[in-house]
């Protein structure tokens, strides 16, 4: 039997429209209803140390610090080395301070010592194989001594002469068993006695003091300032002034008004006989005559009162 032809038509494929591709650099829009996946954050680029900077941990040993600092010259590493040796600077400054007057401040010596320490760090050579403490001790002490010399008002040559005199005194004391005289010291040094006196006078200690400082230490404002307790050599002693005034009252008590004026103006005010005569309208010879009479009478009066007067 023959097959009947199929009435169905052949199937044809219809191409589906494609979605346009996203341009490079732009994000493709997410489909409707589907959440977009979060993108992973980009890792931050690692910073590489710039040339000339040392990278070293805080717990690194001193040898590593030295090698890295000498290789890079980084100032931060030098500061770490300074901090490691600060205690030695203070120790040296305290030993130097023991031989200095109280006017010198310890912090000032430590500051000068740190300057010497920084110079020692810059000039230290690792290839020599010596310890840094041995090298820097001399530099620190030298920096402190240089600072003290800059504060000294006496020239260094004068100081050297003074030290020579001190050595001579110690030698004579050990030999003679007593303190030598200046004449013996001059003979020992083979110099004139006048030269020895000049050297001792030039090398006498001098120090700058503030008159606004207080005698008592601390912040107590009730303490007296140094300027308040200094002696005024031009001033007059109050007790002497009272005694002189009382003596003048006793002396001039028996004098007339004119005689008293002549005596006071001549001895207390320092006027001449001529000036006194012009004030009192007297001649100079008359003033001299009155003055001589007063002096003669006072001698007799003071002779009688001498045992009872406080001179």
C-alpha atoms as a PDB file:
ATOM      1  CA  UNK A   1       0.000   0.000   0.000  1.00  0.00           C
ATOM      2  CA  UNK A   2       1.105   3.469  -0.730  1.00  0.00           C
ATOM      3  CA  UNK A   3       1.576   5.856   2.006  1.00  0.00           C
ATOM      4  CA  UNK A   4      -0.503   8.964   1.958  1.00  0.00           C
ATOM      5  CA  UNK A   5       1.517  12.150   1.782  1.00  0.00           C
ATOM      6  CA  UNK A   6       1.817  13.947   5.096  1.00  0.00           C
ATOM      7  CA  UNK A   7      -0.201  17.081   5.311  1.00  0.00           C
ATOM      8  CA  UNK A   8       2.210  18.701   7.815  1.00  0.00           C
ATOM      9  CA  UNK A   9       4.535  21.348   6.499  1.00  0.00           C
ATOM     10  CA  UNK A  10       8.277  21.112   7.104  1.00  0.00           C
ATOM     11  CA  UNK A  11       9.583  22.966  10.238  1.00  0.00           C
ATOM     12  CA  UNK A  12      11.841  25.926   9.707  1.00  0.00           C
ATOM     13  CA  UNK A  13      14.284  27.441  12.269  1.00  0.00           C
ATOM     14  CA  UNK A  14      13.902  31.141  13.046  1.00  0.00           C
ATOM     15  CA  UNK A  15      17.073  32.918  14.353  1.00  0.00           C
ATOM     16  CA  UNK A  16      16.664  34.622  17.749  1.00  0.00           C
ATOM     17  CA  UNK A  17      17.882  38.242  18.049  1.00  0.00           C
ATOM     18  CA  UNK A  18      21.163  38.563  19.986  1.00  0.00           C
ATOM     19  CA  UNK A  19      21.675  41.081  22.782  1.00  0.00           C
ATOM     20  CA  UNK A  20      24.217  43.770  22.010  1.00  0.00           C
ATOM     21  CA  UNK A  21      27.582  43.309  23.680  1.00  0.00           C
ATOM     22  CA  UNK A  22      28.612  45.832  26.299  1.00  0.00           C
ATOM     23  CA  UNK A  23      31.292  48.265  25.300  1.00  0.00           C
ATOM     24  CA  UNK A  24      34.703  47.620  26.806  1.00  0.00           C
ATOM     25  CA  UNK A  25      35.120  49.314  30.185  1.00  0.00           C
ATOM     26  CA  UNK A  26      31.338  49.445  30.856  1.00  0.00           C
ATOM     27  CA  UNK A  27      29.421  47.119  33.138  1.00  0.00           C
ATOM     28  CA  UNK A  28      26.812  44.869  31.576  1.00  0.00           C
ATOM     29  CA  UNK A  29      23.350  45.635  33.031  1.00  0.00           C
ATOM     30  CA  UNK A  30      22.021  42.887  35.244  1.00  0.00           C
ATOM     31  CA  UNK A  31      19.014  40.915  34.079  1.00  0.00           C
ATOM     32  CA  UNK A  32      15.666  41.837  35.507  1.00  0.00           C
ATOM     33  CA  UNK A  33      15.042  40.093  38.802  1.00  0.00           C
ATOM     34  CA  UNK A  34      18.530  38.687  39.223  1.00  0.00           C
ATOM     35  CA  UNK A  35      20.816  40.444  41.745  1.00  0.00           C
ATOM     36  CA  UNK A  36      24.277  41.342  40.579  1.00  0.00           C
ATOM     37  CA  UNK A  37      27.193  39.615  42.233  1.00  0.00           C
ATOM     38  CA  UNK A  38      29.429  41.869  44.323  1.00  0.00           C
ATOM     39  CA  UNK A  39      32.840  42.311  42.817  1.00  0.00           C
ATOM     40  CA  UNK A  40      35.875  41.553  44.895  1.00  0.00           C
ATOM     41  CA  UNK A  41      37.741  44.660  46.143  1.00  0.00           C
ATOM     42  CA  UNK A  42      41.039  45.267  44.473  1.00  0.00           C
ATOM     43  CA  UNK A  43      44.047  44.719  46.683  1.00  0.00           C
ATOM     44  CA  UNK A  44      45.927  47.911  47.542  1.00  0.00           C
ATOM     45  CA  UNK A  45      49.303  48.068  45.857  1.00  0.00           C
ATOM     46  CA  UNK A  46      52.146  47.330  48.226  1.00  0.00           C
ATOM     47  CA  UNK A  47      54.349  50.282  48.983  1.00  0.00           C
ATOM     48  CA  UNK A  48      57.973  49.662  48.313  1.00  0.00           C
ATOM     49  CA  UNK A  49      60.523  51.564  50.339  1.00  0.00           C
ATOM     50  CA  UNK A  50      62.114  54.363  48.468  1.00  0.00           C
ATOM     51  CA  UNK A  51      65.802  54.337  47.881  1.00  0.00           C
ATOM     52  CA  UNK A  52      67.837  55.642  50.813  1.00  0.00           C
ATOM     53  CA  UNK A  53      65.346  54.594  53.539  1.00  0.00           C
ATOM     54  CA  UNK A  54      66.099  51.676  55.825  1.00  0.00           C
ATOM     55  CA  UNK A  55      63.340  49.199  56.680  1.00  0.00           C
ATOM     56  CA  UNK A  56      63.935  47.616  60.066  1.00  0.00           C
ATOM     57  CA  UNK A  57      61.709  46.419  62.875  1.00  0.00           C
ATOM     58  CA  UNK A  58      61.589  48.108  66.232  1.00  0.00           C
ATOM     59  CA  UNK A  59      62.964  44.973  67.925  1.00  0.00           C
ATOM     60  CA  UNK A  60      66.033  44.818  65.700  1.00  0.00           C
ATOM     61  CA  UNK A  61      69.400  44.394  67.377  1.00  0.00           C
ATOM     62  CA  UNK A  62      71.940  47.171  67.670  1.00  0.00           C
ATOM     63  CA  UNK A  63      74.201  45.546  65.074  1.00  0.00           C
ATOM     64  CA  UNK A  64      71.364  45.483  62.546  1.00  0.00           C
ATOM     65  CA  UNK A  65      70.642  49.144  63.264  1.00  0.00           C
ATOM     66  CA  UNK A  66      74.263  50.056  62.655  1.00  0.00           C
ATOM     67  CA  UNK A  67      74.536  48.100  59.406  1.00  0.00           C
ATOM     68  CA  UNK A  68      71.276  49.452  58.035  1.00  0.00           C
ATOM     69  CA  UNK A  69      72.074  53.036  59.035  1.00  0.00           C
ATOM     70  CA  UNK A  70      75.539  52.958  57.486  1.00  0.00           C
ATOM     71  CA  UNK A  71      74.059  51.463  54.297  1.00  0.00           C
ATOM     72  CA  UNK A  72      71.150  53.898  53.956  1.00  0.00           C
ATOM     73  CA  UNK A  73      72.016  56.958  56.057  1.00  0.00           C
ATOM     74  CA  UNK A  74      68.398  57.218  57.263  1.00  0.00           C
ATOM     75  CA  UNK A  75      67.905  59.889  59.945  1.00  0.00           C
ATOM     76  CA  UNK A  76      65.194  57.829  61.680  1.00  0.00           C
ATOM     77  CA  UNK A  77      67.691  55.058  62.278  1.00  0.00           C
ATOM     78  CA  UNK A  78      70.191  57.564  63.631  1.00  0.00           C
ATOM     79  CA  UNK A  79      67.553  58.802  66.079  1.00  0.00           C
ATOM     80  CA  UNK A  80      67.036  55.228  67.257  1.00  0.00           C
ATOM     81  CA  UNK A  81      70.764  54.893  67.874  1.00  0.00           C
ATOM     82  CA  UNK A  82      70.789  58.173  69.804  1.00  0.00           C
ATOM     83  CA  UNK A  83      67.980  56.896  72.046  1.00  0.00           C
ATOM     84  CA  UNK A  84      69.917  53.696  72.765  1.00  0.00           C
ATOM     85  CA  UNK A  85      72.955  55.660  74.062  1.00  0.00           C
ATOM     86  CA  UNK A  86      71.192  58.521  75.916  1.00  0.00           C
ATOM     87  CA  UNK A  87      71.763  56.868  79.290  1.00  0.00           C
ATOM     88  CA  UNK A  88      75.514  56.879  78.674  1.00  0.00           C
ATOM     89  CA  UNK A  89      75.399  60.613  77.852  1.00  0.00           C
ATOM     90  CA  UNK A  90      73.688  61.384  81.157  1.00  0.00           C
ATOM     91  CA  UNK A  91      76.177  59.199  83.053  1.00  0.00           C
ATOM     92  CA  UNK A  92      79.147  61.105  81.590  1.00  0.00           C
ATOM     93  CA  UNK A  93      77.456  64.474  82.241  1.00  0.00           C
ATOM     94  CA  UNK A  94      76.845  63.575  85.900  1.00  0.00           C
ATOM     95  CA  UNK A  95      80.495  62.647  86.385  1.00  0.00           C
ATOM     96  CA  UNK A  96      81.655  65.939  84.866  1.00  0.00           C
ATOM     97  CA  UNK A  97      79.137  67.892  86.966  1.00  0.00           C
ATOM     98  CA  UNK A  98      80.718  66.638  90.217  1.00  0.00           C
ATOM     99  CA  UNK A  99      83.770  68.866  89.621  1.00  0.00           C
ATOM    100  CA  UNK A 100      81.794  71.976  88.582  1.00  0.00           C
ATOM    101  CA  UNK A 101      80.096  74.759  90.597  1.00  0.00           C
ATOM    102  CA  UNK A 102      76.396  74.597  91.390  1.00  0.00           C
ATOM    103  CA  UNK A 103      75.567  77.250  88.798  1.00  0.00           C
ATOM    104  CA  UNK A 104      76.053  74.686  85.983  1.00  0.00           C
ATOM    105  CA  UNK A 105      72.874  72.839  84.988  1.00  0.00           C
ATOM    106  CA  UNK A 106      72.900  69.075  84.293  1.00  0.00           C
ATOM    107  CA  UNK A 107      70.433  69.343  81.401  1.00  0.00           C
ATOM    108  CA  UNK A 108      72.729  71.847  79.727  1.00  0.00           C
ATOM    109  CA  UNK A 109      75.613  69.373  79.896  1.00  0.00           C
ATOM    110  CA  UNK A 110      73.398  66.567  78.562  1.00  0.00           C
ATOM    111  CA  UNK A 111      72.390  68.725  75.597  1.00  0.00           C
ATOM    112  CA  UNK A 112      76.036  69.336  74.733  1.00  0.00           C
ATOM    113  CA  UNK A 113      76.737  65.615  75.174  1.00  0.00           C
ATOM    114  CA  UNK A 114      73.962  64.654  72.734  1.00  0.00           C
ATOM    115  CA  UNK A 115      75.609  66.863  70.122  1.00  0.00           C
ATOM    116  CA  UNK A 116      78.850  64.954  70.603  1.00  0.00           C
ATOM    117  CA  UNK A 117      76.965  61.643  70.448  1.00  0.00           C
ATOM    118  CA  UNK A 118      75.413  62.529  67.069  1.00  0.00           C
ATOM    119  CA  UNK A 119      78.837  63.482  65.703  1.00  0.00           C
ATOM    120  CA  UNK A 120      80.237  60.191  66.981  1.00  0.00           C
ATOM    121  CA  UNK A 121      77.457  58.207  65.281  1.00  0.00           C
ATOM    122  CA  UNK A 122      78.116  59.934  61.961  1.00  0.00           C
ATOM    123  CA  UNK A 123      81.877  59.420  62.182  1.00  0.00           C
ATOM    124  CA  UNK A 124      81.942  55.852  63.505  1.00  0.00           C
ATOM    125  CA  UNK A 125      83.514  53.281  61.176  1.00  0.00           C
ATOM    126  CA  UNK A 126      82.194  49.717  61.503  1.00  0.00           C
ATOM    127  CA  UNK A 127      85.096  48.239  59.558  1.00  0.00           C
ATOM    128  CA  UNK A 128      87.600  49.042  62.324  1.00  0.00           C
ATOM    129  CA  UNK A 129      86.093  46.469  64.650  1.00  0.00           C
ATOM    130  CA  UNK A 130      86.124  48.595  67.833  1.00  0.00           C
ATOM    131  CA  UNK A 131      83.274  49.105  70.266  1.00  0.00           C
ATOM    132  CA  UNK A 132      81.187  52.204  69.771  1.00  0.00           C
ATOM    133  CA  UNK A 133      81.028  52.930  73.531  1.00  0.00           C
ATOM    134  CA  UNK A 134      84.814  53.178  73.650  1.00  0.00           C
ATOM    135  CA  UNK A 135      84.797  55.548  70.688  1.00  0.00           C
ATOM    136  CA  UNK A 136      81.919  57.800  71.692  1.00  0.00           C
ATOM    137  CA  UNK A 137      82.893  58.308  75.349  1.00  0.00           C
ATOM    138  CA  UNK A 138      85.769  60.576  74.361  1.00  0.00           C
ATOM    139  CA  UNK A 139      83.621  62.464  71.842  1.00  0.00           C
ATOM    140  CA  UNK A 140      80.809  63.050  74.330  1.00  0.00           C
ATOM    141  CA  UNK A 141      83.145  64.226  77.090  1.00  0.00           C
ATOM    142  CA  UNK A 142      85.018  66.458  74.635  1.00  0.00           C
ATOM    143  CA  UNK A 143      81.782  68.075  73.464  1.00  0.00           C
ATOM    144  CA  UNK A 144      80.794  68.823  77.079  1.00  0.00           C
ATOM    145  CA  UNK A 145      84.206  70.328  77.846  1.00  0.00           C
ATOM    146  CA  UNK A 146      84.060  72.475  74.694  1.00  0.00           C
ATOM    147  CA  UNK A 147      80.701  73.820  75.853  1.00  0.00           C
ATOM    148  CA  UNK A 148      82.134  74.647  79.283  1.00  0.00           C
ATOM    149  CA  UNK A 149      85.106  76.446  77.714  1.00  0.00           C
ATOM    150  CA  UNK A 150      82.712  78.605  75.697  1.00  0.00           C
ATOM    151  CA  UNK A 151      81.086  79.715  78.984  1.00  0.00           C
ATOM    152  CA  UNK A 152      84.408  80.496  80.685  1.00  0.00           C
ATOM    153  CA  UNK A 153      85.367  84.170  80.885  1.00  0.00           C
ATOM    154  CA  UNK A 154      89.016  83.359  81.581  1.00  0.00           C
ATOM    155  CA  UNK A 155      91.203  82.531  78.544  1.00  0.00           C
ATOM    156  CA  UNK A 156      92.542  79.010  78.254  1.00  0.00           C
ATOM    157  CA  UNK A 157      96.173  80.175  78.526  1.00  0.00           C
ATOM    158  CA  UNK A 158      95.419  81.729  81.916  1.00  0.00           C
ATOM    159  CA  UNK A 159      93.816  78.481  83.053  1.00  0.00           C
ATOM    160  CA  UNK A 160      96.915  76.546  82.053  1.00  0.00           C
ATOM    161  CA  UNK A 161      99.080  78.881  84.133  1.00  0.00           C
ATOM    162  CA  UNK A 162      96.729  78.457  87.092  1.00  0.00           C
ATOM    163  CA  UNK A 163      96.953  74.652  86.818  1.00  0.00           C
ATOM    164  CA  UNK A 164     100.735  74.930  86.776  1.00  0.00           C
ATOM    165  CA  UNK A 165     100.630  76.929  90.010  1.00  0.00           C
ATOM    166  CA  UNK A 166      98.284  74.379  91.595  1.00  0.00           C
ATOM    167  CA  UNK A 167     100.629  71.510  90.700  1.00  0.00           C
ATOM    168  CA  UNK A 168     103.532  73.411  92.219  1.00  0.00           C
ATOM    169  CA  UNK A 169     101.564  73.960  95.435  1.00  0.00           C
ATOM    170  CA  UNK A 170     100.718  70.243  95.692  1.00  0.00           C
ATOM    171  CA  UNK A 171     104.358  69.265  95.135  1.00  0.00           C
ATOM    172  CA  UNK A 172     105.562  71.657  97.825  1.00  0.00           C
ATOM    173  CA  UNK A 173     102.882  70.469 100.255  1.00  0.00           C
ATOM    174  CA  UNK A 174     103.977  66.863  99.777  1.00  0.00           C
ATOM    175  CA  UNK A 175     107.615  67.821 100.275  1.00  0.00           C
ATOM    176  CA  UNK A 176     107.278  70.302 103.153  1.00  0.00           C
ATOM    177  CA  UNK A 177     104.273  68.847 104.949  1.00  0.00           C
ATOM    178  CA  UNK A 178     102.519  72.228 105.116  1.00  0.00           C
ATOM    179  CA  UNK A 179     100.928  74.874 102.931  1.00  0.00           C
ATOM    180  CA  UNK A 180     103.710  76.774 101.097  1.00  0.00           C
ATOM    181  CA  UNK A 181     103.793  80.539 101.014  1.00  0.00           C
ATOM    182  CA  UNK A 182     103.408  82.482  97.790  1.00  0.00           C
ATOM    183  CA  UNK A 183     107.072  83.428  97.901  1.00  0.00           C
ATOM    184  CA  UNK A 184     108.097  79.742  98.087  1.00  0.00           C
ATOM    185  CA  UNK A 185     105.802  78.910  95.161  1.00  0.00           C
ATOM    186  CA  UNK A 186     107.350  81.686  93.082  1.00  0.00           C
ATOM    187  CA  UNK A 187     110.832  80.367  93.865  1.00  0.00           C
ATOM    188  CA  UNK A 188     109.792  76.838  92.919  1.00  0.00           C
ATOM    189  CA  UNK A 189     108.394  78.027  89.567  1.00  0.00           C
ATOM    190  CA  UNK A 190     111.401  80.344  89.046  1.00  0.00           C
ATOM    191  CA  UNK A 191     109.220  83.360  88.304  1.00  0.00           C
ATOM    192  CA  UNK A 192     109.053  86.799  89.965  1.00  0.00           C
ATOM    193  CA  UNK A 193     106.706  87.176  92.901  1.00  0.00           C
ATOM    194  CA  UNK A 194     104.762  89.901  91.066  1.00  0.00           C
ATOM    195  CA  UNK A 195     104.141  87.537  88.123  1.00  0.00           C
ATOM    196  CA  UNK A 196     102.749  84.892  90.481  1.00  0.00           C
ATOM    197  CA  UNK A 197     100.360  87.407  92.023  1.00  0.00           C
ATOM    198  CA  UNK A 198      99.199  88.486  88.564  1.00  0.00           C
ATOM    199  CA  UNK A 199      98.536  84.878  87.490  1.00  0.00           C
ATOM    200  CA  UNK A 200      96.577  84.095  90.637  1.00  0.00           C
ATOM    201  CA  UNK A 201      94.512  87.244  90.228  1.00  0.00           C
ATOM    202  CA  UNK A 202      93.694  86.531  86.580  1.00  0.00           C
ATOM    203  CA  UNK A 203      92.697  82.939  87.264  1.00  0.00           C
ATOM    204  CA  UNK A 204      90.438  83.733  90.210  1.00  0.00           C
ATOM    205  CA  UNK A 205      87.030  82.056  89.714  1.00  0.00           C
ATOM    206  CA  UNK A 206      84.246  84.164  88.263  1.00  0.00           C
ATOM    207  CA  UNK A 207      80.632  83.175  87.776  1.00  0.00           C
ATOM    208  CA  UNK A 208      77.486  84.800  86.425  1.00  0.00           C
ATOM    209  CA  UNK A 209      74.627  84.856  88.907  1.00  0.00           C
ATOM    210  CA  UNK A 210      71.098  86.125  88.579  1.00  0.00           C
ATOM    211  CA  UNK A 211      70.117  88.681  91.225  1.00  0.00           C
ATOM    212  CA  UNK A 212      66.445  87.746  90.776  1.00  0.00           C
ATOM    213  CA  UNK A 213      67.056  84.190  92.029  1.00  0.00           C
ATOM    214  CA  UNK A 214      65.908  83.323  95.517  1.00  0.00           C
ATOM    215  CA  UNK A 215      68.113  81.894  98.241  1.00  0.00           C
ATOM    216  CA  UNK A 216      65.627  79.166  99.109  1.00  0.00           C
ATOM    217  CA  UNK A 217      65.153  76.441  96.551  1.00  0.00           C
ATOM    218  CA  UNK A 218      61.678  75.688  95.257  1.00  0.00           C
ATOM    219  CA  UNK A 219      58.735  77.764  94.092  1.00  0.00           C
ATOM    220  CA  UNK A 220      58.159  79.475  97.413  1.00  0.00           C
ATOM    221  CA  UNK A 221      57.770  83.179  96.653  1.00  0.00           C
ATOM    222  CA  UNK A 222      58.355  84.131 100.281  1.00  0.00           C
ATOM    223  CA  UNK A 223      62.107  83.609 100.004  1.00  0.00           C
ATOM    224  CA  UNK A 224      64.302  86.685  99.694  1.00  0.00           C
ATOM    225  CA  UNK A 225      65.980  87.468  96.389  1.00  0.00           C
ATOM    226  CA  UNK A 226      69.753  87.762  96.176  1.00  0.00           C
ATOM    227  CA  UNK A 227      69.475  91.440  95.273  1.00  0.00           C
ATOM    228  CA  UNK A 228      67.751  92.084  98.618  1.00  0.00           C
ATOM    229  CA  UNK A 229      70.611  90.736 100.737  1.00  0.00           C
ATOM    230  CA  UNK A 230      73.558  92.315  98.911  1.00  0.00           C
ATOM    231  CA  UNK A 231      75.583  94.842 100.839  1.00  0.00           C
ATOM    232  CA  UNK A 232      75.296  98.422  99.604  1.00  0.00           C
ATOM    233  CA  UNK A 233      78.832  99.672 100.136  1.00  0.00           C
ATOM    234  CA  UNK A 234      77.810 103.235  99.280  1.00  0.00           C
ATOM    235  CA  UNK A 235      74.991 103.184 101.786  1.00  0.00           C
ATOM    236  CA  UNK A 236      75.264 104.376 105.358  1.00  0.00           C
ATOM    237  CA  UNK A 237      75.010 102.134 108.341  1.00  0.00           C
ATOM    238  CA  UNK A 238      71.794 103.014 110.236  1.00  0.00           C
ATOM    239  CA  UNK A 239      73.401 102.514 113.638  1.00  0.00           C
ATOM    240  CA  UNK A 240      76.363 104.712 112.756  1.00  0.00           C
ATOM    241  CA  UNK A 241      74.012 107.376 111.470  1.00  0.00           C
ATOM    242  CA  UNK A 242      72.034 107.356 114.735  1.00  0.00           C
ATOM    243  CA  UNK A 243      75.205 107.554 116.831  1.00  0.00           C
ATOM    244  CA  UNK A 244      76.535 110.425 114.765  1.00  0.00           C
ATOM    245  CA  UNK A 245      73.271 112.339 115.079  1.00  0.00           C
ATOM    246  CA  UNK A 246      73.118 111.836 118.832  1.00  0.00           C
ATOM    247  CA  UNK A 247      76.736 112.950 119.165  1.00  0.00           C
ATOM    248  CA  UNK A 248      76.008 116.075 117.120  1.00  0.00           C
ATOM    249  CA  UNK A 249      73.066 116.924 119.395  1.00  0.00           C
ATOM    250  CA  UNK A 250      75.254 116.562 122.456  1.00  0.00           C
ATOM    251  CA  UNK A 251      78.075 118.616 120.973  1.00  0.00           C
ATOM    252  CA  UNK A 252      75.957 121.497 119.683  1.00  0.00           C
ATOM    253  CA  UNK A 253      73.608 121.646 122.638  1.00  0.00           C
ATOM    254  CA  UNK A 254      75.542 124.406 124.399  1.00  0.00           C
ATOM    255  CA  UNK A 255      76.169 126.457 121.213  1.00  0.00           C
ATOM    256  CA  UNK A 256      74.287 129.519 120.070  1.00  0.00           C
ATOM    257  CA  UNK A 257      72.133 129.451 116.943  1.00  0.00           C
ATOM    258  CA  UNK A 258      74.796 131.131 114.779  1.00  0.00           C
ATOM    259  CA  UNK A 259      77.585 128.914 116.061  1.00  0.00           C
ATOM    260  CA  UNK A 260      75.449 125.836 115.516  1.00  0.00           C
ATOM    261  CA  UNK A 261      74.675 126.852 111.923  1.00  0.00           C
ATOM    262  CA  UNK A 262      78.350 127.433 111.160  1.00  0.00           C
ATOM    263  CA  UNK A 263      79.297 124.079 112.648  1.00  0.00           C
ATOM    264  CA  UNK A 264      76.565 122.128 110.781  1.00  0.00           C
ATOM    265  CA  UNK A 265      77.125 123.857 107.428  1.00  0.00           C
ATOM    266  CA  UNK A 266      80.866 123.365 107.589  1.00  0.00           C
ATOM    267  CA  UNK A 267      81.049 119.730 108.786  1.00  0.00           C
ATOM    268  CA  UNK A 268      77.790 118.192 107.586  1.00  0.00           C
ATOM    269  CA  UNK A 269      76.988 120.064 104.397  1.00  0.00           C
ATOM    270  CA  UNK A 270      80.595 120.647 103.332  1.00  0.00           C
ATOM    271  CA  UNK A 271      80.358 124.396 102.660  1.00  0.00           C
ATOM    272  CA  UNK A 272      83.398 126.649 102.677  1.00  0.00           C
ATOM    273  CA  UNK A 273      83.935 129.564 105.061  1.00  0.00           C
ATOM    274  CA  UNK A 274      83.260 132.024 102.277  1.00  0.00           C
ATOM    275  CA  UNK A 275      79.944 130.380 101.339  1.00  0.00           C
ATOM    276  CA  UNK A 276      78.876 130.282 104.985  1.00  0.00           C
ATOM    277  CA  UNK A 277      79.687 133.982 105.329  1.00  0.00           C
ATOM    278  CA  UNK A 278      77.567 134.832 102.288  1.00  0.00           C
ATOM    279  CA  UNK A 279      74.623 132.892 103.751  1.00  0.00           C
ATOM    280  CA  UNK A 280      74.924 134.440 107.243  1.00  0.00           C
ATOM    281  CA  UNK A 281      76.003 137.840 105.863  1.00  0.00           C
ATOM    282  CA  UNK A 282      79.335 137.708 107.670  1.00  0.00           C
ATOM    283  CA  UNK A 283      82.877 138.129 106.476  1.00  0.00           C
ATOM    284  CA  UNK A 284      85.029 135.077 105.887  1.00  0.00           C
ATOM    285  CA  UNK A 285      87.452 136.112 108.657  1.00  0.00           C
ATOM    286  CA  UNK A 286      84.567 136.453 111.133  1.00  0.00           C
ATOM    287  CA  UNK A 287      83.314 132.938 110.261  1.00  0.00           C
ATOM    288  CA  UNK A 288      86.825 131.540 110.799  1.00  0.00           C
ATOM    289  CA  UNK A 289      87.048 133.294 114.154  1.00  0.00           C
ATOM    290  CA  UNK A 290      83.689 131.868 115.316  1.00  0.00           C
ATOM    291  CA  UNK A 291      84.683 128.419 114.108  1.00  0.00           C
ATOM    292  CA  UNK A 292      87.978 128.496 116.016  1.00  0.00           C
ATOM    293  CA  UNK A 293      86.236 129.548 119.212  1.00  0.00           C
ATOM    294  CA  UNK A 294      83.657 126.774 118.848  1.00  0.00           C
ATOM    295  CA  UNK A 295      86.335 124.112 118.289  1.00  0.00           C
ATOM    296  CA  UNK A 296      88.312 125.221 121.347  1.00  0.00           C
ATOM    297  CA  UNK A 297      85.238 125.075 123.585  1.00  0.00           C
ATOM    298  CA  UNK A 298      84.154 121.696 122.208  1.00  0.00           C
ATOM    299  CA  UNK A 299      87.547 120.153 122.945  1.00  0.00           C
ATOM    300  CA  UNK A 300      87.156 121.028 126.587  1.00  0.00           C
ATOM    301  CA  UNK A 301      83.557 119.786 126.630  1.00  0.00           C
ATOM    302  CA  UNK A 302      84.367 116.491 124.919  1.00  0.00           C
ATOM    303  CA  UNK A 303      87.247 115.910 127.309  1.00  0.00           C
ATOM    304  CA  UNK A 304      84.804 115.885 130.178  1.00  0.00           C
ATOM    305  CA  UNK A 305      82.166 113.768 128.336  1.00  0.00           C
ATOM    306  CA  UNK A 306      84.563 111.212 126.799  1.00  0.00           C
ATOM    307  CA  UNK A 307      83.977 108.466 129.447  1.00  0.00           C
ATOM    308  CA  UNK A 308      80.218 108.594 128.899  1.00  0.00           C
ATOM    309  CA  UNK A 309      80.167 108.791 125.096  1.00  0.00           C
ATOM    310  CA  UNK A 310      79.684 105.699 122.856  1.00  0.00           C
ATOM    311  CA  UNK A 311      82.220 106.008 120.061  1.00  0.00           C
END
